[in-house]
Amino acid sequence: MSAAVLGFIASVVLGISLETVLGLNGPAIGNVIGEAVGMGYMLWHSKRILNVSWAALVPTQGLLQSFGGAALVGMIVFPLRSMAFDYPIWVVGYAVAYFSAYVAFMRVFRFFSEEDWALICRCATLKVLRDLR
């Protein structure tokens, strides 16, 4: 609860203060930084309570692999942004292209475990909705 309150307060304070400097982009940036502050506090508190190292708490190799894959696919798909997004279908098409390329990249380089891949297949075929009944 304290991490959520800290993140909320940081988001509000940063959003208002950055709005005067950056205009309408300020609250968006303030929200991202505020959430990072809340998550950082939660990680720090968890590390202290569990008495573990940062390496045991945060799987840096997996995070770096995911970040690298997202960055690489983003650079490949980035030229699509120059298209005129007058219609919402273009935005949806861009999102589908990015997601498909990211999943393909992660699958080809075996960053997904078999459990991850099974969950993606269940979600893609909407079996997950049928299982909720």
C-alpha atoms as a PDB file:
ATOM      1  CA  MET A   1       0.000   0.000   0.000  1.00  0.00           C
ATOM      2  CA  SER A   2       2.795   2.385   0.852  1.00  0.00           C
ATOM      3  CA  ALA A   3       4.436   1.827  -2.552  1.00  0.00           C
ATOM      4  CA  ALA A   4       1.151   2.601  -4.324  1.00  0.00           C
ATOM      5  CA  VAL A   5       0.667   5.793  -2.301  1.00  0.00           C
ATOM      6  CA  LEU A   6       4.284   6.837  -2.877  1.00  0.00           C
ATOM      7  CA  GLY A   7       3.959   6.196  -6.621  1.00  0.00           C
ATOM      8  CA  PHE A   8       0.681   8.131  -6.776  1.00  0.00           C
ATOM      9  CA  ILE A   9       2.077  11.139  -4.901  1.00  0.00           C
ATOM     10  CA  ALA A  10       5.229  11.150  -7.036  1.00  0.00           C
ATOM     11  CA  SER A  11       3.100  10.933 -10.212  1.00  0.00           C
ATOM     12  CA  VAL A  12       0.911  13.865  -9.177  1.00  0.00           C
ATOM     13  CA  VAL A  13       3.777  16.077  -8.028  1.00  0.00           C
ATOM     14  CA  LEU A  14       5.933  15.314 -11.067  1.00  0.00           C
ATOM     15  CA  GLY A  15       2.988  15.570 -13.455  1.00  0.00           C
ATOM     16  CA  ILE A  16       2.026  19.027 -12.234  1.00  0.00           C
ATOM     17  CA  SER A  17       5.588  20.320 -12.067  1.00  0.00           C
ATOM     18  CA  LEU A  18       6.620  18.879 -15.436  1.00  0.00           C
ATOM     19  CA  GLU A  19       3.475  20.249 -17.086  1.00  0.00           C
ATOM     20  CA  THR A  20       4.742  23.792 -16.599  1.00  0.00           C
ATOM     21  CA  VAL A  21       8.085  22.880 -18.187  1.00  0.00           C
ATOM     22  CA  LEU A  22       7.155  20.356 -20.888  1.00  0.00           C
ATOM     23  CA  GLY A  23       3.519  21.183 -21.599  1.00  0.00           C
ATOM     24  CA  LEU A  24       1.110  18.312 -22.149  1.00  0.00           C
ATOM     25  CA  ASN A  25       3.943  15.770 -22.264  1.00  0.00           C
ATOM     26  CA  GLY A  26       4.826  16.576 -18.649  1.00  0.00           C
ATOM     27  CA  PRO A  27       2.006  14.637 -16.932  1.00  0.00           C
ATOM     28  CA  ALA A  28       2.689  11.570 -19.082  1.00  0.00           C
ATOM     29  CA  ILE A  29       6.393  11.605 -18.232  1.00  0.00           C
ATOM     30  CA  GLY A  30       5.590  12.342 -14.584  1.00  0.00           C
ATOM     31  CA  ASN A  31       3.269   9.343 -14.435  1.00  0.00           C
ATOM     32  CA  VAL A  32       5.932   6.992 -15.811  1.00  0.00           C
ATOM     33  CA  ILE A  33       8.576   8.308 -13.396  1.00  0.00           C
ATOM     34  CA  GLY A  34       6.109   8.194 -10.480  1.00  0.00           C
ATOM     35  CA  GLU A  35       5.261   4.556 -11.197  1.00  0.00           C
ATOM     36  CA  ALA A  36       8.983   3.767 -11.400  1.00  0.00           C
ATOM     37  CA  VAL A  37       9.466   5.391  -7.984  1.00  0.00           C
ATOM     38  CA  GLY A  38       6.660   3.259  -6.518  1.00  0.00           C
ATOM     39  CA  MET A  39       8.023   0.061  -8.069  1.00  0.00           C
ATOM     40  CA  GLY A  40      11.559   0.922  -6.966  1.00  0.00           C
ATOM     41  CA  TYR A  41      10.348   1.376  -3.406  1.00  0.00           C
ATOM     42  CA  MET A  42       8.473  -1.923  -3.584  1.00  0.00           C
ATOM     43  CA  LEU A  43      11.581  -3.742  -4.846  1.00  0.00           C
ATOM     44  CA  TRP A  44      13.790  -2.124  -2.200  1.00  0.00           C
ATOM     45  CA  HIS A  45      11.313  -3.008   0.551  1.00  0.00           C
ATOM     46  CA  SER A  46      10.942  -6.593  -0.733  1.00  0.00           C
ATOM     47  CA  LYS A  47      14.724  -6.998  -0.871  1.00  0.00           C
ATOM     48  CA  ARG A  48      15.019  -5.802   2.707  1.00  0.00           C
ATOM     49  CA  ILE A  49      12.177  -7.976   4.054  1.00  0.00           C
ATOM     50  CA  LEU A  50      13.211 -11.144   2.162  1.00  0.00           C
ATOM     51  CA  ASN A  51      16.896 -10.558   2.926  1.00  0.00           C
ATOM     52  CA  VAL A  52      18.022 -11.450  -0.605  1.00  0.00           C
ATOM     53  CA  SER A  53      20.413  -9.853  -3.052  1.00  0.00           C
ATOM     54  CA  TRP A  54      19.337  -7.723  -6.005  1.00  0.00           C
ATOM     55  CA  ALA A  55      20.454 -10.483  -8.366  1.00  0.00           C
ATOM     56  CA  ALA A  56      18.127 -12.973  -6.660  1.00  0.00           C
ATOM     57  CA  LEU A  57      15.216 -10.531  -6.686  1.00  0.00           C
ATOM     58  CA  VAL A  58      15.495  -9.144 -10.231  1.00  0.00           C
ATOM     59  CA  PRO A  59      16.174 -11.544 -13.141  1.00  0.00           C
ATOM     60  CA  THR A  60      18.414  -9.156 -15.069  1.00  0.00           C
ATOM     61  CA  GLN A  61      19.355 -11.589 -17.852  1.00  0.00           C
ATOM     62  CA  GLY A  62      15.720 -12.277 -18.744  1.00  0.00           C
ATOM     63  CA  LEU A  63      14.836  -8.597 -18.540  1.00  0.00           C
ATOM     64  CA  LEU A  64      17.752  -7.593 -20.747  1.00  0.00           C
ATOM     65  CA  GLN A  65      16.824 -10.238 -23.316  1.00  0.00           C
ATOM     66  CA  SER A  66      13.240  -8.980 -23.430  1.00  0.00           C
ATOM     67  CA  PHE A  67      14.370  -5.355 -23.606  1.00  0.00           C
ATOM     68  CA  GLY A  68      16.864  -6.130 -26.373  1.00  0.00           C
ATOM     69  CA  GLY A  69      14.220  -7.986 -28.363  1.00  0.00           C
ATOM     70  CA  ALA A  70      11.716  -5.157 -27.929  1.00  0.00           C
ATOM     71  CA  ALA A  71      14.304  -2.547 -28.936  1.00  0.00           C
ATOM     72  CA  LEU A  72      15.427  -4.488 -32.011  1.00  0.00           C
ATOM     73  CA  VAL A  73      11.888  -5.155 -33.194  1.00  0.00           C
ATOM     74  CA  GLY A  74      10.989  -1.542 -32.457  1.00  0.00           C
ATOM     75  CA  MET A  75      13.806  -0.341 -34.702  1.00  0.00           C
ATOM     76  CA  ILE A  76      12.631  -2.650 -37.470  1.00  0.00           C
ATOM     77  CA  VAL A  77       8.983  -1.616 -37.191  1.00  0.00           C
ATOM     78  CA  PHE A  78       9.778   2.080 -36.492  1.00  0.00           C
ATOM     79  CA  PRO A  79       9.580   3.184 -40.160  1.00  0.00           C
ATOM     80  CA  LEU A  80       5.850   2.410 -40.092  1.00  0.00           C
ATOM     81  CA  ARG A  81       5.378   5.527 -37.954  1.00  0.00           C
ATOM     82  CA  SER A  82       5.911   7.703 -41.023  1.00  0.00           C
ATOM     83  CA  MET A  83       2.649   6.417 -42.479  1.00  0.00           C
ATOM     84  CA  ALA A  84      -0.353   8.670 -42.127  1.00  0.00           C
ATOM     85  CA  PHE A  85      -2.369   7.351 -39.204  1.00  0.00           C
ATOM     86  CA  ASP A  86      -5.607   9.032 -40.262  1.00  0.00           C
ATOM     87  CA  TYR A  87      -7.592   5.892 -39.562  1.00  0.00           C
ATOM     88  CA  PRO A  88      -7.576   3.874 -36.350  1.00  0.00           C
ATOM     89  CA  ILE A  89      -7.066   0.692 -38.362  1.00  0.00           C
ATOM     90  CA  TRP A  90      -3.506   1.837 -39.155  1.00  0.00           C
ATOM     91  CA  VAL A  91      -2.729   2.115 -35.447  1.00  0.00           C
ATOM     92  CA  VAL A  92      -4.146  -1.361 -34.875  1.00  0.00           C
ATOM     93  CA  GLY A  93      -2.136  -2.681 -37.833  1.00  0.00           C
ATOM     94  CA  TYR A  94       1.050  -1.121 -36.441  1.00  0.00           C
ATOM     95  CA  ALA A  95       0.412  -2.692 -33.018  1.00  0.00           C
ATOM     96  CA  VAL A  96      -0.281  -6.105 -34.551  1.00  0.00           C
ATOM     97  CA  ALA A  97       2.868  -5.879 -36.687  1.00  0.00           C
ATOM     98  CA  TYR A  98       5.012  -4.976 -33.680  1.00  0.00           C
ATOM     99  CA  PHE A  99       3.508  -7.668 -31.441  1.00  0.00           C
ATOM    100  CA  SER A 100       3.839 -10.336 -34.134  1.00  0.00           C
ATOM    101  CA  ALA A 101       7.448  -9.425 -34.876  1.00  0.00           C
ATOM    102  CA  TYR A 102       8.296  -9.367 -31.150  1.00  0.00           C
ATOM    103  CA  VAL A 103       6.747 -12.782 -30.505  1.00  0.00           C
ATOM    104  CA  ALA A 104       8.490 -14.211 -33.578  1.00  0.00           C
ATOM    105  CA  PHE A 105      11.847 -12.768 -32.463  1.00  0.00           C
ATOM    106  CA  MET A 106      11.457 -14.127 -28.939  1.00  0.00           C
ATOM    107  CA  ARG A 107      10.396 -17.535 -30.281  1.00  0.00           C
ATOM    108  CA  VAL A 108      13.194 -17.824 -32.864  1.00  0.00           C
ATOM    109  CA  PHE A 109      15.888 -16.982 -30.322  1.00  0.00           C
ATOM    110  CA  ARG A 110      14.282 -19.261 -27.716  1.00  0.00           C
ATOM    111  CA  PHE A 111      13.697 -16.584 -25.081  1.00  0.00           C
ATOM    112  CA  PHE A 112      10.255 -18.024 -24.319  1.00  0.00           C
ATOM    113  CA  SER A 113       9.963 -21.113 -22.179  1.00  0.00           C
ATOM    114  CA  GLU A 114       7.509 -23.799 -23.243  1.00  0.00           C
ATOM    115  CA  GLU A 115       5.079 -22.563 -20.571  1.00  0.00           C
ATOM    116  CA  ASP A 116       5.298 -19.013 -21.980  1.00  0.00           C
ATOM    117  CA  TRP A 117       4.649 -20.273 -25.497  1.00  0.00           C
ATOM    118  CA  ALA A 118       1.678 -22.384 -24.347  1.00  0.00           C
ATOM    119  CA  LEU A 119       0.145 -19.322 -22.641  1.00  0.00           C
ATOM    120  CA  ILE A 120       0.651 -17.179 -25.761  1.00  0.00           C
ATOM    121  CA  CYS A 121      -1.018 -19.850 -27.907  1.00  0.00           C
ATOM    122  CA  ARG A 122      -3.946 -20.090 -25.490  1.00  0.00           C
ATOM    123  CA  CYS A 123      -4.418 -16.308 -25.538  1.00  0.00           C
ATOM    124  CA  ALA A 124      -4.019 -16.035 -29.320  1.00  0.00           C
ATOM    125  CA  THR A 125      -6.672 -18.666 -29.942  1.00  0.00           C
ATOM    126  CA  LEU A 126      -8.953 -17.231 -27.205  1.00  0.00           C
ATOM    127  CA  LYS A 127      -8.930 -20.573 -25.364  1.00  0.00           C
ATOM    128  CA  VAL A 128      -8.216 -18.589 -22.234  1.00  0.00           C
ATOM    129  CA  LEU A 129     -11.716 -17.062 -22.465  1.00  0.00           C
ATOM    130  CA  ARG A 130     -13.338 -20.459 -22.819  1.00  0.00           C
ATOM    131  CA  ASP A 131     -11.453 -21.691 -19.751  1.00  0.00           C
ATOM    132  CA  LEU A 132     -12.989 -18.914 -17.655  1.00  0.00           C
ATOM    133  CA  ARG A 133     -16.477 -20.354 -17.968  1.00  0.00           C
END
